[in-house]
Amino acid sequence: MPSALITGITGQDGLYLAELLTSKGYDVHAIIRGQNNPKLELVQRLLPDVRLHTGDLTDLSSLMRAMRDAKPDEVYNLGAVSFVAYSWENAQVTSDVTGLGVLNMLEAVRLYAGDDPSKVRYYQASSSEMFGKVQAVPQNESTLLWPRSPYGVAKVYGHYMTINYRESYGMHASSGILFNHESPRRGPEFVTRKVSRAVARIKLGLQESITMGNLDAKRDWGFAGDYVEAMWLMLQQDEAEDYVISTGETHSIRELLDAAFAHVGIEDWSDLVLQDPRFMRPAEVDLLIGDSAKAHEKLGWKPKVSFEELVAMMVENDLTEQKVLAGL
């Protein structure tokens, strides 16, 4: 039975990945931060077979203990301070966890592997936010990185550190440059879930409007459940490489609103959506769209869930959840 260790288990990617690996017969371990983590109960309920280890990406000794106890064949580093807007307010914390945390995890893997650097296969969760002020459309593995947020800068550091450990020590270390991927498990602070939940509440008469920032920003949105399969496929390759994972389609926030409101039978949402400068980014990333030709060719990976299906899935989930919460 192969063994895997996941950081960031409480996020949507960690939950979907743990389910995937469990279904494939893996002995799945995960690092969870803090003894009173508010999402601990969720993880234990959804993933009762996953063995949890207390640790923190900013604490190398805790990562080394987790490596020793889990004895993993594969490590998936998904842990990060991942809310972009938060990164401007807490740039140092974001840098420590999202950037230096990668170095700590890589070092823990290297020390555990000892004289056999490829003993453990390592996956690093890189991000399309690294492209920032995009220098080419669409973006692929060779596109110049120009991050536009502290989060993006921290992800670039982790991305290049992964490449450096691969080239310096011969580690089987791959990075997945994942474009935006969403699901019903997405946190409510992210724009897709903010929209799906608000639309559900508006439809149910529980709120009157939603307040947004820039409606013209465009993103390449896919389903998180599809994207974790690409992570696994990367670590099954003979050679470690970096891959862009995306749908190759771009949609604006306006189109997101169109799809979400249309799903509940509302065609004209103009009076239901307000805009507030507080929700505008200091430096906006206007257009992200990925070229996943390499992943298609080498991994045999393609997304299965369309943008419209993804939005419908999220709105349906929030309709059900809000009905229960409101006692409807």
Protein backbone atom coordinates (compact mmCIF):
# COMPACT_ATOMS: atom_id res chain seq x y z
CA MET A 1 0.00 0.00 0.00
CA PRO A 2 1.59 3.32 -1.03
CA SER A 3 1.64 6.10 1.57
CA ALA A 4 0.97 9.80 0.99
CA LEU A 5 1.31 12.88 3.20
CA ILE A 6 -0.81 15.97 2.49
CA THR A 7 -0.46 19.50 3.85
CA GLY A 8 -3.46 21.80 3.54
CA ILE A 9 -5.89 18.94 4.20
CA THR A 10 -8.61 21.32 5.42
CA GLY A 11 -8.88 23.13 2.07
CA GLN A 12 -10.99 22.01 -0.86
CA ASP A 13 -7.99 20.53 -2.69
CA GLY A 14 -6.81 18.62 0.35
CA LEU A 15 -10.24 17.07 0.90
CA TYR A 16 -10.71 16.05 -2.74
CA LEU A 17 -7.13 14.76 -3.01
CA ALA A 18 -7.44 12.69 0.17
CA GLU A 19 -10.65 11.15 -1.16
CA LEU A 20 -8.96 10.34 -4.48
CA LEU A 21 -5.90 8.76 -2.85
CA THR A 22 -8.04 6.76 -0.43
CA SER A 23 -10.07 5.42 -3.35
CA LYS A 24 -6.80 4.29 -4.95
CA GLY A 25 -5.78 2.32 -1.86
CA TYR A 26 -3.25 4.75 -0.39
CA ASP A 27 -2.44 4.97 3.31
CA VAL A 28 -3.20 8.69 3.61
CA HIS A 29 -1.65 10.95 6.25
CA ALA A 30 -2.15 14.68 6.66
CA ILE A 31 -0.63 17.54 8.61
CA ILE A 32 -3.13 19.73 10.43
CA ARG A 33 -2.21 22.99 12.14
CA GLY A 34 -3.21 23.63 15.74
CA GLN A 35 -4.91 21.41 18.29
CA ASN A 36 -8.14 23.45 18.08
CA ASN A 37 -8.30 23.74 14.30
CA PRO A 38 -11.92 24.70 13.47
CA LYS A 39 -11.96 22.35 10.47
CA LEU A 40 -10.69 19.30 12.35
CA GLU A 41 -14.18 17.89 12.81
CA LEU A 42 -14.93 18.28 9.09
CA VAL A 43 -11.81 16.34 8.13
CA GLN A 44 -12.53 13.59 10.64
CA ARG A 45 -16.13 13.29 9.42
CA LEU A 46 -15.34 13.22 5.69
CA LEU A 47 -12.06 11.30 5.93
CA PRO A 48 -12.19 8.95 8.91
CA ASP A 49 -9.38 6.77 7.50
CA VAL A 50 -6.87 9.61 7.13
CA ARG A 51 -4.26 9.73 9.88
CA LEU A 52 -3.65 13.24 11.15
CA HIS A 53 -0.36 14.69 12.41
CA THR A 54 -0.01 18.04 14.16
CA GLY A 55 2.39 20.35 12.37
CA ASP A 56 2.99 23.74 10.82
CA LEU A 57 4.71 24.79 7.61
CA THR A 58 6.64 27.41 9.57
CA ASP A 59 8.05 24.77 11.96
CA LEU A 60 10.59 22.50 10.26
CA SER A 61 10.89 20.16 13.25
CA SER A 62 7.15 19.40 13.16
CA LEU A 63 7.39 18.59 9.43
CA MET A 64 10.31 16.26 10.04
CA ARG A 65 8.33 14.45 12.74
CA ALA A 66 5.40 14.04 10.37
CA MET A 67 7.71 12.63 7.68
CA ARG A 68 9.20 10.17 10.17
CA ASP A 69 5.80 9.00 11.39
CA ALA A 70 4.00 8.85 8.03
CA LYS A 71 6.90 7.37 6.01
CA PRO A 72 5.33 8.69 2.79
CA ASP A 73 6.09 7.65 -0.77
CA GLU A 74 4.44 10.86 -1.98
CA VAL A 75 4.12 14.32 -0.41
CA TYR A 76 1.55 16.85 -1.63
CA ASN A 77 2.25 20.36 -0.33
CA LEU A 78 -1.08 22.18 -0.68
CA GLY A 79 -0.81 24.25 2.51
CA ALA A 80 -0.75 28.03 2.08
CA VAL A 81 -2.32 31.31 3.12
CA SER A 82 -4.32 31.23 -0.09
CA PHE A 83 -6.75 34.17 -0.01
CA VAL A 84 -5.17 36.78 -2.28
CA ALA A 85 -6.93 39.81 -0.76
CA TYR A 86 -5.67 38.81 2.71
CA SER A 87 -2.07 38.77 1.48
CA TRP A 88 -1.89 42.57 1.18
CA GLU A 89 -3.04 42.97 4.78
CA ASN A 90 -0.74 40.24 6.09
CA ALA A 91 2.17 40.11 3.68
CA GLN A 92 4.67 38.71 6.17
CA VAL A 93 2.45 35.86 7.37
CA THR A 94 1.65 35.03 3.74
CA SER A 95 5.34 35.03 2.86
CA ASP A 96 6.28 32.89 5.85
CA VAL A 97 3.65 30.21 5.18
CA THR A 98 3.18 30.29 1.40
CA GLY A 99 6.82 30.98 0.54
CA LEU A 100 9.19 29.85 3.27
CA GLY A 101 6.83 27.02 4.18
CA VAL A 102 7.70 25.42 0.83
CA LEU A 103 11.40 25.56 1.69
CA ASN A 104 10.70 23.90 5.04
CA MET A 105 8.66 21.12 3.44
CA LEU A 106 11.27 20.51 0.75
CA GLU A 107 14.00 20.37 3.37
CA ALA A 108 12.00 17.94 5.50
CA VAL A 109 11.54 15.68 2.47
CA ARG A 110 15.23 15.92 1.53
CA LEU A 111 16.44 15.08 5.02
CA TYR A 112 14.02 12.17 5.32
CA ALA A 113 15.05 10.78 1.92
CA GLY A 114 18.71 10.77 2.91
CA ASP A 115 21.00 9.14 0.33
CA ASP A 116 18.08 8.39 -2.02
CA PRO A 117 16.81 11.86 -3.08
CA SER A 118 14.06 10.42 -5.29
CA LYS A 119 12.76 8.14 -2.53
CA VAL A 120 9.84 10.50 -1.94
CA ARG A 121 7.94 12.12 -4.78
CA TYR A 122 6.95 15.72 -4.04
CA TYR A 123 4.14 17.87 -5.44
CA GLN A 124 4.13 21.65 -5.00
CA ALA A 125 0.90 23.62 -5.43
CA SER A 126 1.94 26.55 -7.60
CA SER A 127 -0.60 29.08 -8.83
CA SER A 128 -1.71 31.01 -11.91
CA GLU A 129 -1.46 34.13 -9.70
CA MET A 130 2.29 33.88 -10.38
CA PHE A 131 1.61 35.14 -13.93
CA GLY A 132 -0.03 38.31 -12.56
CA LYS A 133 0.62 41.02 -15.14
CA VAL A 134 0.45 38.49 -17.92
CA GLN A 135 3.19 38.63 -20.55
CA ALA A 136 1.54 36.18 -22.95
CA VAL A 137 -1.98 34.91 -23.65
CA PRO A 138 -2.60 32.09 -22.98
CA GLN A 139 -0.06 31.28 -20.27
CA ASN A 140 2.03 28.09 -20.34
CA GLU A 141 5.00 26.65 -18.44
CA SER A 142 7.44 29.01 -20.20
CA THR A 143 5.52 32.27 -19.69
CA LEU A 144 7.41 34.93 -17.70
CA LEU A 145 6.16 35.21 -14.12
CA TRP A 146 5.09 38.72 -13.01
CA PRO A 147 3.15 38.39 -9.73
CA ARG A 148 0.84 41.23 -8.65
CA SER A 149 0.19 40.36 -5.00
CA PRO A 150 2.19 39.24 -1.95
CA TYR A 151 0.49 35.86 -2.39
CA GLY A 152 1.68 35.62 -5.99
CA VAL A 153 5.23 36.63 -5.01
CA ALA A 154 5.31 33.98 -2.27
CA LYS A 155 4.06 31.34 -4.72
CA VAL A 156 6.83 32.28 -7.18
CA TYR A 157 9.42 31.76 -4.42
CA GLY A 158 8.01 28.31 -3.63
CA HIS A 159 7.82 27.43 -7.31
CA TYR A 160 11.44 28.27 -8.03
CA MET A 161 12.61 26.67 -4.79
CA THR A 162 10.95 23.42 -5.92
CA ILE A 163 12.78 23.61 -9.24
CA ASN A 164 16.01 24.36 -7.38
CA TYR A 165 15.69 21.31 -5.12
CA ARG A 166 14.89 19.14 -8.15
CA GLU A 167 17.98 20.36 -10.00
CA SER A 168 20.31 20.57 -6.99
CA TYR A 169 19.49 17.32 -5.21
CA GLY A 170 17.86 15.14 -7.86
CA MET A 171 14.53 15.12 -6.04
CA HIS A 172 11.40 13.97 -7.85
CA ALA A 173 9.73 17.35 -7.27
CA SER A 174 6.98 18.64 -9.58
CA SER A 175 4.92 21.82 -9.53
CA GLY A 176 1.36 22.13 -10.73
CA ILE A 177 0.64 25.66 -11.90
CA LEU A 178 -3.07 25.44 -11.22
CA PHE A 179 -5.43 28.04 -12.56
CA ASN A 180 -8.51 28.97 -10.53
CA HIS A 181 -10.38 25.89 -9.43
CA GLU A 182 -13.55 25.94 -7.42
CA SER A 183 -16.10 23.64 -5.77
CA PRO A 184 -18.91 23.61 -3.22
CA ARG A 185 -16.10 23.19 -0.64
CA ARG A 186 -14.54 26.55 -1.56
CA GLY A 187 -14.31 29.02 1.33
CA PRO A 188 -16.99 31.76 1.36
CA GLU A 189 -14.33 34.48 1.13
CA PHE A 190 -13.50 33.47 -2.47
CA VAL A 191 -15.47 35.21 -5.21
CA THR A 192 -17.07 32.11 -6.74
CA ARG A 193 -18.44 30.86 -3.43
CA LYS A 194 -19.36 34.39 -2.38
CA VAL A 195 -21.49 34.60 -5.52
CA SER A 196 -23.04 31.11 -5.30
CA ARG A 197 -24.00 31.57 -1.65
CA ALA A 198 -25.39 35.08 -2.16
CA VAL A 199 -27.42 33.99 -5.20
CA ALA A 200 -28.88 31.11 -3.20
CA ARG A 201 -29.77 33.44 -0.32
CA ILE A 202 -31.30 36.03 -2.67
CA LYS A 203 -33.40 33.33 -4.33
CA LEU A 204 -34.61 32.14 -0.90
CA GLY A 205 -35.41 35.69 0.25
CA LEU A 206 -32.67 35.67 2.90
CA GLN A 207 -30.75 38.69 1.57
CA GLU A 208 -31.43 41.49 -0.89
CA SER A 209 -28.17 42.05 -2.78
CA ILE A 210 -24.48 41.21 -3.12
CA THR A 211 -21.59 43.68 -3.03
CA MET A 212 -18.71 43.04 -5.42
CA GLY A 213 -15.46 44.60 -6.64
CA ASN A 214 -14.19 44.49 -10.23
CA LEU A 215 -16.76 42.77 -12.45
CA ASP A 216 -14.53 42.76 -15.54
CA ALA A 217 -11.65 40.63 -14.23
CA LYS A 218 -11.39 37.34 -16.14
CA ARG A 219 -10.35 33.95 -14.84
CA ASP A 220 -9.88 30.40 -16.09
CA TRP A 221 -12.17 28.47 -13.70
CA GLY A 222 -12.25 24.68 -13.34
CA PHE A 223 -13.49 22.08 -10.85
CA ALA A 224 -11.16 21.25 -7.94
CA GLY A 225 -12.14 17.58 -8.10
CA ASP A 226 -10.72 17.40 -11.64
CA TYR A 227 -7.53 19.23 -10.74
CA VAL A 228 -6.44 16.96 -7.88
CA GLU A 229 -6.32 14.07 -10.38
CA ALA A 230 -3.67 16.05 -12.30
CA MET A 231 -1.63 16.36 -9.09
CA TRP A 232 -1.62 12.60 -8.67
CA LEU A 233 -0.76 11.99 -12.31
CA MET A 234 2.32 14.24 -12.03
CA LEU A 235 3.80 12.05 -9.32
CA GLN A 236 3.25 8.89 -11.38
CA GLN A 237 5.63 10.11 -14.11
CA ASP A 238 9.19 8.81 -14.44
CA GLU A 239 10.56 12.35 -14.58
CA ALA A 240 9.50 15.30 -12.43
CA GLU A 241 8.34 18.36 -14.36
CA ASP A 242 6.11 21.42 -14.04
CA TYR A 243 2.64 21.56 -15.59
CA VAL A 244 -0.02 24.20 -16.21
CA ILE A 245 -3.44 22.84 -15.22
CA SER A 246 -6.39 24.80 -16.61
CA THR A 247 -9.53 24.61 -18.75
CA GLY A 248 -8.27 26.89 -21.50
CA GLU A 249 -11.44 29.00 -21.22
CA THR A 250 -11.80 32.41 -19.63
CA HIS A 251 -14.90 33.94 -18.04
CA SER A 252 -15.47 37.33 -16.42
CA ILE A 253 -17.05 37.98 -13.04
CA ARG A 254 -20.07 39.24 -15.00
CA GLU A 255 -20.36 35.86 -16.71
CA LEU A 256 -20.07 34.16 -13.32
CA LEU A 257 -22.99 36.28 -12.11
CA ASP A 258 -24.93 35.54 -15.30
CA ALA A 259 -24.56 31.78 -14.85
CA ALA A 260 -25.30 31.79 -11.12
CA PHE A 261 -28.42 33.96 -11.31
CA ALA A 262 -29.67 32.16 -14.43
CA HIS A 263 -29.54 28.87 -12.53
CA VAL A 264 -32.16 30.19 -10.09
CA GLY A 265 -34.26 31.78 -12.83
CA ILE A 266 -33.08 35.40 -12.50
CA GLU A 267 -32.03 36.88 -15.86
CA ASP A 268 -31.55 40.56 -14.91
CA TRP A 269 -29.37 40.91 -11.81
CA SER A 270 -28.36 44.56 -12.34
CA ASP A 271 -30.35 45.79 -9.32
CA LEU A 272 -29.11 42.94 -7.12
CA VAL A 273 -25.34 43.54 -7.48
CA LEU A 274 -23.61 46.53 -5.91
CA GLN A 275 -19.97 47.57 -6.30
CA ASP A 276 -17.64 48.87 -3.59
CA PRO A 277 -14.04 50.11 -4.07
CA ARG A 278 -13.08 48.25 -0.88
CA PHE A 279 -13.28 45.01 -2.85
CA MET A 280 -10.94 46.22 -5.61
CA ARG A 281 -7.38 44.82 -5.57
CA PRO A 282 -4.51 47.35 -5.29
CA ALA A 283 -2.98 45.67 -8.36
CA GLU A 284 -5.49 43.70 -10.40
CA VAL A 285 -4.80 40.59 -12.44
CA ASP A 286 -7.05 41.25 -15.41
CA LEU A 287 -6.86 38.15 -17.61
CA LEU A 288 -5.74 34.62 -16.76
CA ILE A 289 -6.15 31.76 -19.23
CA GLY A 290 -4.02 28.66 -19.24
CA ASP A 291 -2.53 26.49 -21.97
CA SER A 292 -2.52 22.90 -20.67
CA ALA A 293 -1.26 21.23 -23.85
CA LYS A 294 1.67 19.69 -21.97
CA ALA A 295 -0.63 18.13 -19.36
CA HIS A 296 -2.93 16.83 -22.10
CA GLU A 297 -0.02 15.23 -23.96
CA LYS A 298 2.17 13.91 -21.14
CA LEU A 299 -0.35 13.21 -18.38
CA GLY A 300 -3.39 12.39 -20.49
CA TRP A 301 -5.33 14.83 -18.31
CA LYS A 302 -8.29 16.95 -19.36
CA PRO A 303 -10.97 18.70 -17.27
CA LYS A 304 -14.35 16.98 -17.15
CA VAL A 305 -16.65 19.59 -15.52
CA SER A 306 -17.62 22.64 -17.59
CA PHE A 307 -17.88 26.20 -16.25
CA GLU A 308 -21.68 26.12 -16.39
CA GLU A 309 -21.79 22.74 -14.61
CA LEU A 310 -19.42 24.01 -11.94
CA VAL A 311 -21.50 27.12 -11.21
CA ALA A 312 -24.72 25.08 -11.12
CA MET A 313 -23.10 22.57 -8.73
CA MET A 314 -22.05 25.35 -6.35
CA VAL A 315 -25.40 27.18 -6.42
CA GLU A 316 -27.31 23.92 -5.83
CA ASN A 317 -25.10 23.10 -2.86
CA ASP A 318 -25.66 26.55 -1.35
CA LEU A 319 -29.41 26.38 -1.92
CA THR A 320 -29.52 23.14 0.07
CA GLU A 321 -27.21 24.44 2.78
CA GLN A 322 -29.01 27.76 3.22
CA LYS A 323 -32.42 26.05 3.41
CA VAL A 324 -31.15 23.89 6.25
CA LEU A 325 -29.54 26.83 8.08
CA ALA A 326 -32.71 28.94 7.71
CA GLY A 327 -35.01 26.08 8.64
CA LEU A 328 -36.90 26.30 5.34
